Amino acid sequence: MTESKVQTRPEGALPKSRSTHSRHRAEPARPASALSRFAAGIGSTGRRAAVVTAAACVVLVGVSAAVQASDTAAPNAGTAASEASPTAANPLPKLNFEKAQIAAQPATAAGGSIAPQSAEVKPAETPAPAPVPAPAPAPEPAPAPAPEPAPAPAPAPAPPVAVDDPAGAQAYAAAQLPSHGWAAGEMQCLMKLWTKESDWKTTATNASSGAYGVVQSLPAEKMASAGADYLTSYRTQINWGLDYVKDRYGSPCGALNFHYAHNWY
């Protein structure tokens, strides 16, 4: 290592710049104008501002590089470590303001990187046609109602039974005399006449002629004009016999007299 010597200026010698640019002592100093003072102030202030700005840019670039390195280190630690080592060793030569601006953008929530969006527009999916509902089955015809069973035939009425009641027949005949215009005394003649013929029995039958009933009608079917039950009802037989006596003989006593003379009436 060599020792540097400081050269001394000889006495009486003036530097060239000072000697060249020095003014004569006799010349008065020119007053500095406002413009010159402003320019001088701007020059010194501008240099200081430039220095401060450069320092701020360096700090900003360093912070941005650190943020970018930490974001990329999470998904791929090996690649981020290899890429971050030269940047950490010498960050100034490779960083610029464009990278700083990109790093300054807010990171996404998925991992800090913004995935490029594809410009391809997918065609809208055509909705599937709605299924056509199957037609409802035709309703089955209602079954025909079962035919109602035929009503059971009514039992045939029991054939009337003839009842022989001489006392009842006599009482009924006596009650019918006034309606024919006869006096009560005609009952005596009527009693003799029908006692001789049938003994006042409903079912009395003449074996030789076939005459039938209390009044001994011949044939028996003649009494059907008085009622259908002429074979079993003494009332029907008496009603027919009284009408016959009145039409043929006028009264029971007239019928009895004819019977005495001819033995029939």
Protein backbone atom coordinates (compact mmCIF):
# COMPACT_ATOMS: atom_id res chain seq x y z
CA MET A 1 0.00 0.00 0.00
CA THR A 2 1.50 3.34 -1.05
CA GLU A 3 1.31 6.50 0.94
CA SER A 4 -0.46 9.33 -0.80
CA LYS A 5 1.06 12.74 -0.52
CA VAL A 6 -0.92 15.90 -0.45
CA GLN A 7 0.43 18.44 -2.81
CA THR A 8 0.73 21.91 -1.36
CA ARG A 9 -0.08 24.94 -3.32
CA PRO A 10 2.80 27.47 -3.62
CA GLU A 11 2.33 30.77 -2.07
CA GLY A 12 1.04 33.49 -4.28
CA ALA A 13 -0.43 31.08 -6.74
CA LEU A 14 -4.16 31.13 -7.35
CA PRO A 15 -6.23 28.40 -8.81
CA LYS A 16 -6.99 28.68 -12.45
CA SER A 17 -10.65 28.73 -12.00
CA ARG A 18 -10.49 31.47 -9.48
CA SER A 19 -7.95 33.38 -11.47
CA THR A 20 -9.89 32.90 -14.65
CA HIS A 21 -13.27 33.66 -13.31
CA SER A 22 -12.29 36.18 -10.68
CA ARG A 23 -13.47 39.63 -11.19
CA HIS A 24 -11.52 42.77 -10.65
CA ARG A 25 -11.67 44.26 -7.27
CA ALA A 26 -12.75 47.48 -8.81
CA GLU A 27 -15.86 45.97 -10.40
CA PRO A 28 -18.91 46.11 -8.21
CA ALA A 29 -20.77 42.85 -7.50
CA ARG A 30 -23.86 42.30 -9.61
CA PRO A 31 -26.96 41.77 -7.57
CA ALA A 32 -28.54 38.31 -8.02
CA SER A 33 -31.91 38.40 -9.72
CA ALA A 34 -35.03 36.63 -8.39
CA LEU A 35 -35.05 34.20 -11.31
CA SER A 36 -31.49 33.16 -10.67
CA ARG A 37 -32.15 32.61 -7.00
CA PHE A 38 -35.26 30.50 -7.85
CA ALA A 39 -33.29 28.40 -10.33
CA ALA A 40 -30.53 27.87 -7.80
CA GLY A 41 -33.08 26.82 -5.19
CA ILE A 42 -34.80 24.46 -7.62
CA GLY A 43 -31.52 22.84 -8.54
CA SER A 44 -30.57 21.93 -5.00
CA THR A 45 -34.14 21.02 -4.03
CA GLY A 46 -34.59 18.90 -7.17
CA ARG A 47 -31.47 16.95 -6.46
CA ARG A 48 -32.63 16.22 -2.96
CA ALA A 49 -36.13 15.22 -4.18
CA ALA A 50 -34.64 12.92 -6.81
CA VAL A 51 -32.54 11.20 -4.19
CA VAL A 52 -35.55 10.77 -1.87
CA THR A 53 -37.72 9.49 -4.77
CA ALA A 54 -35.10 6.97 -5.82
CA ALA A 55 -34.81 5.72 -2.27
CA ALA A 56 -38.59 5.38 -1.98
CA CYS A 57 -38.74 3.47 -5.26
CA VAL A 58 -36.06 1.10 -4.06
CA VAL A 59 -38.00 0.45 -0.83
CA LEU A 60 -41.27 -0.02 -2.75
CA VAL A 61 -39.65 -2.40 -5.22
CA GLY A 62 -38.11 -4.38 -2.38
CA VAL A 63 -41.43 -4.68 -0.53
CA SER A 64 -43.25 -5.69 -3.72
CA ALA A 65 -40.65 -8.32 -4.47
CA ALA A 66 -40.97 -9.72 -0.96
CA VAL A 67 -44.78 -9.91 -1.26
CA GLN A 68 -44.58 -11.57 -4.65
CA ALA A 69 -42.03 -14.08 -3.38
CA SER A 70 -44.19 -14.99 -0.36
CA ASP A 71 -47.29 -15.44 -2.57
CA THR A 72 -45.58 -17.69 -5.05
CA ALA A 73 -43.81 -19.69 -2.34
CA ALA A 74 -47.07 -21.23 -1.01
CA PRO A 75 -48.11 -23.32 -4.09
CA ASN A 76 -44.63 -24.16 -5.27
CA ALA A 77 -41.95 -23.82 -2.61
CA GLY A 78 -39.09 -25.27 -4.65
CA THR A 79 -39.55 -23.08 -7.69
CA ALA A 80 -40.15 -19.95 -5.58
CA ALA A 81 -36.97 -20.59 -3.59
CA SER A 82 -34.88 -20.98 -6.74
CA GLU A 83 -36.35 -17.85 -8.32
CA ALA A 84 -36.20 -15.76 -5.13
CA SER A 85 -32.48 -16.35 -4.47
CA PRO A 86 -31.09 -14.25 -7.35
CA THR A 87 -33.72 -11.59 -6.74
CA ALA A 88 -32.83 -11.35 -3.05
CA ALA A 89 -29.12 -11.17 -3.90
CA ASN A 90 -29.48 -8.41 -6.40
CA PRO A 91 -33.04 -7.02 -6.53
CA LEU A 92 -32.29 -3.79 -8.31
CA PRO A 93 -31.15 -4.94 -11.76
CA LYS A 94 -34.17 -7.17 -12.55
CA LEU A 95 -37.07 -5.27 -10.98
CA ASN A 96 -38.96 -2.56 -12.72
CA PHE A 97 -42.05 -0.51 -12.11
CA GLU A 98 -44.30 -2.80 -14.19
CA LYS A 99 -43.63 -5.76 -11.84
CA ALA A 100 -44.13 -3.50 -8.85
CA GLN A 101 -47.49 -2.41 -10.19
CA ILE A 102 -48.56 -6.00 -10.85
CA ALA A 103 -47.48 -7.06 -7.35
CA ALA A 104 -49.35 -4.11 -5.85
CA GLN A 105 -52.68 -5.42 -7.17
CA PRO A 106 -54.87 -7.17 -4.55
CA ALA A 107 -54.39 -10.91 -4.39
CA THR A 108 -57.30 -13.22 -4.92
CA ALA A 109 -58.70 -15.29 -2.10
CA ALA A 110 -57.88 -18.59 -3.81
CA GLY A 111 -54.06 -18.24 -3.61
CA GLY A 112 -52.96 -14.79 -4.61
CA SER A 113 -52.77 -15.38 -8.35
CA ILE A 114 -55.23 -14.14 -10.93
CA ALA A 115 -56.08 -16.81 -13.42
CA PRO A 116 -56.47 -15.55 -16.96
CA GLN A 117 -60.00 -15.76 -18.19
CA SER A 118 -60.67 -17.57 -21.37
CA ALA A 119 -62.22 -15.49 -24.09
CA GLU A 120 -64.10 -18.50 -25.39
CA VAL A 121 -67.83 -18.16 -24.85
CA LYS A 122 -69.58 -21.42 -24.18
CA PRO A 123 -72.86 -21.82 -26.02
CA ALA A 124 -75.91 -21.81 -23.85
CA GLU A 125 -77.08 -25.30 -23.07
CA THR A 126 -80.38 -26.13 -24.65
CA PRO A 127 -82.77 -27.28 -21.91
CA ALA A 128 -83.96 -30.80 -22.27
CA PRO A 129 -87.56 -31.00 -23.46
CA ALA A 130 -90.05 -31.63 -20.74
CA PRO A 131 -91.34 -35.21 -20.75
CA VAL A 132 -94.74 -35.57 -22.32
CA PRO A 133 -97.13 -37.00 -19.73
CA ALA A 134 -98.62 -40.31 -20.66
CA PRO A 135 -102.31 -40.12 -21.54
CA ALA A 136 -104.60 -41.05 -18.70
CA PRO A 137 -106.12 -44.48 -19.13
CA ALA A 138 -109.70 -44.50 -20.21
CA PRO A 139 -112.03 -45.07 -17.29
CA GLU A 140 -113.34 -48.56 -17.11
CA PRO A 141 -117.08 -48.83 -17.76
CA ALA A 142 -119.11 -49.25 -14.67
CA PRO A 143 -120.33 -52.80 -14.28
CA ALA A 144 -123.94 -53.30 -15.16
CA PRO A 145 -126.07 -53.51 -12.08
CA ALA A 146 -127.10 -57.01 -11.23
CA PRO A 147 -130.70 -57.67 -12.10
CA GLU A 148 -132.92 -57.56 -9.12
CA PRO A 149 -134.28 -60.95 -8.22
CA ALA A 150 -137.82 -61.47 -9.27
CA PRO A 151 -140.18 -61.15 -6.37
CA ALA A 152 -141.35 -64.40 -5.04
CA PRO A 153 -144.85 -65.14 -6.18
CA ALA A 154 -147.42 -64.48 -3.55
CA PRO A 155 -148.70 -67.65 -2.09
CA ALA A 156 -151.99 -68.68 -3.50
CA PRO A 157 -154.79 -67.88 -1.13
CA ALA A 158 -156.10 -70.85 0.64
CA PRO A 159 -159.39 -71.93 -0.75
CA PRO A 160 -162.22 -70.76 1.42
CA VAL A 161 -163.67 -73.35 3.65
CA ALA A 162 -167.42 -73.60 3.84
CA VAL A 163 -168.76 -73.46 7.32
CA ASP A 164 -172.21 -74.82 8.13
CA ASP A 165 -173.83 -72.41 10.64
CA PRO A 166 -177.67 -72.75 10.59
CA ALA A 167 -178.20 -70.36 13.50
CA GLY A 168 -176.01 -67.69 11.96
CA ALA A 169 -177.75 -68.10 8.59
CA GLN A 170 -181.18 -67.70 10.17
CA ALA A 171 -180.18 -64.55 12.06
CA TYR A 172 -178.76 -63.01 8.91
CA ALA A 173 -181.92 -63.79 6.87
CA ALA A 174 -184.16 -62.21 9.51
CA ALA A 175 -182.07 -59.04 9.40
CA GLN A 176 -182.49 -58.75 5.60
CA LEU A 177 -186.33 -58.94 5.49
CA PRO A 178 -187.01 -55.20 6.05
CA SER A 179 -184.71 -54.24 3.15
CA HIS A 180 -186.94 -56.25 0.86
CA GLY A 181 -190.19 -54.64 2.23
CA TRP A 182 -191.33 -57.63 4.21
CA ALA A 183 -192.79 -57.84 7.71
CA ALA A 184 -191.17 -59.87 10.43
CA GLY A 185 -193.99 -62.49 10.17
CA GLU A 186 -192.56 -63.58 6.79
CA MET A 187 -189.70 -65.15 8.67
CA GLN A 188 -191.91 -68.01 9.82
CA CYS A 189 -192.72 -69.03 6.25
CA LEU A 190 -189.04 -68.68 5.29
CA MET A 191 -187.96 -70.87 8.21
CA LYS A 192 -190.28 -73.72 7.07
CA LEU A 193 -189.29 -73.41 3.41
CA TRP A 194 -185.45 -73.54 3.78
CA THR A 195 -185.53 -76.00 6.66
CA LYS A 196 -187.39 -78.42 4.37
CA GLU A 197 -184.94 -77.72 1.47
CA SER A 198 -181.47 -77.66 3.20
CA ASP A 199 -181.90 -77.45 6.95
CA TRP A 200 -180.03 -74.06 6.61
CA LYS A 201 -176.69 -75.69 5.81
CA THR A 202 -174.20 -73.93 3.50
CA THR A 203 -172.94 -77.14 1.94
CA ALA A 204 -176.26 -78.93 1.57
CA THR A 205 -176.36 -80.79 -1.75
CA ASN A 206 -179.31 -82.66 -3.37
CA ALA A 207 -177.95 -85.97 -4.48
CA SER A 208 -180.56 -86.51 -7.25
CA SER A 209 -180.76 -82.99 -8.79
CA GLY A 210 -177.49 -81.37 -7.72
CA ALA A 211 -179.16 -78.36 -6.10
CA TYR A 212 -176.73 -76.63 -3.64
CA GLY A 213 -176.66 -74.45 -0.56
CA VAL A 214 -179.13 -73.01 1.93
CA VAL A 215 -181.58 -72.02 -0.84
CA GLN A 216 -180.91 -75.17 -2.98
CA SER A 217 -180.02 -73.33 -6.19
CA LEU A 218 -180.14 -75.44 -9.35
CA PRO A 219 -177.55 -75.26 -10.70
CA ALA A 220 -175.30 -73.77 -8.04
CA GLU A 221 -173.64 -71.37 -10.50
CA LYS A 222 -176.75 -69.18 -10.54
CA MET A 223 -175.69 -67.77 -7.15
CA ALA A 224 -172.43 -66.39 -8.66
CA SER A 225 -174.35 -63.22 -9.56
CA ALA A 226 -174.50 -62.45 -5.81
CA GLY A 227 -170.81 -63.16 -5.16
CA ALA A 228 -167.85 -65.32 -6.08
CA ASP A 229 -167.88 -67.07 -2.71
CA TYR A 230 -171.31 -68.56 -3.24
CA LEU A 231 -169.99 -72.09 -2.47
CA THR A 232 -168.71 -71.18 0.99
CA SER A 233 -170.67 -68.13 2.23
CA TYR A 234 -174.23 -68.50 3.51
CA ARG A 235 -174.64 -64.71 3.28
CA THR A 236 -174.10 -64.78 -0.50
CA GLN A 237 -176.50 -67.68 -0.80
CA ILE A 238 -179.21 -65.94 1.32
CA ASN A 239 -178.89 -62.67 -0.63
CA TRP A 240 -179.45 -64.49 -3.91
CA GLY A 241 -182.34 -66.61 -2.47
CA LEU A 242 -184.30 -63.58 -1.10
CA ASP A 243 -184.08 -61.81 -4.45
CA TYR A 244 -185.28 -64.97 -6.20
CA VAL A 245 -188.26 -65.37 -3.84
CA LYS A 246 -189.34 -61.76 -4.28
CA ASP A 247 -189.05 -61.84 -8.07
CA ARG A 248 -190.76 -65.25 -8.48
CA TYR A 249 -193.31 -65.44 -5.64
CA GLY A 250 -193.54 -62.00 -4.12
CA SER A 251 -192.84 -63.14 -0.53
CA PRO A 252 -191.57 -66.06 1.53
CA CYS A 253 -195.12 -67.16 2.38
CA GLY A 254 -196.05 -67.20 -1.37
CA ALA A 255 -193.00 -69.39 -2.07
CA LEU A 256 -193.96 -71.77 0.78
CA ASN A 257 -197.51 -72.23 -0.58
CA PHE A 258 -196.12 -73.06 -4.05
CA HIS A 259 -193.77 -75.57 -2.47
CA TYR A 260 -196.62 -77.31 -0.71
CA ALA A 261 -198.49 -77.71 -3.97
CA HIS A 262 -195.59 -78.84 -6.13
CA ASN A 263 -192.96 -79.99 -3.69
CA TRP A 264 -190.44 -77.56 -5.11
CA TYR A 265 -190.38 -73.80 -5.50
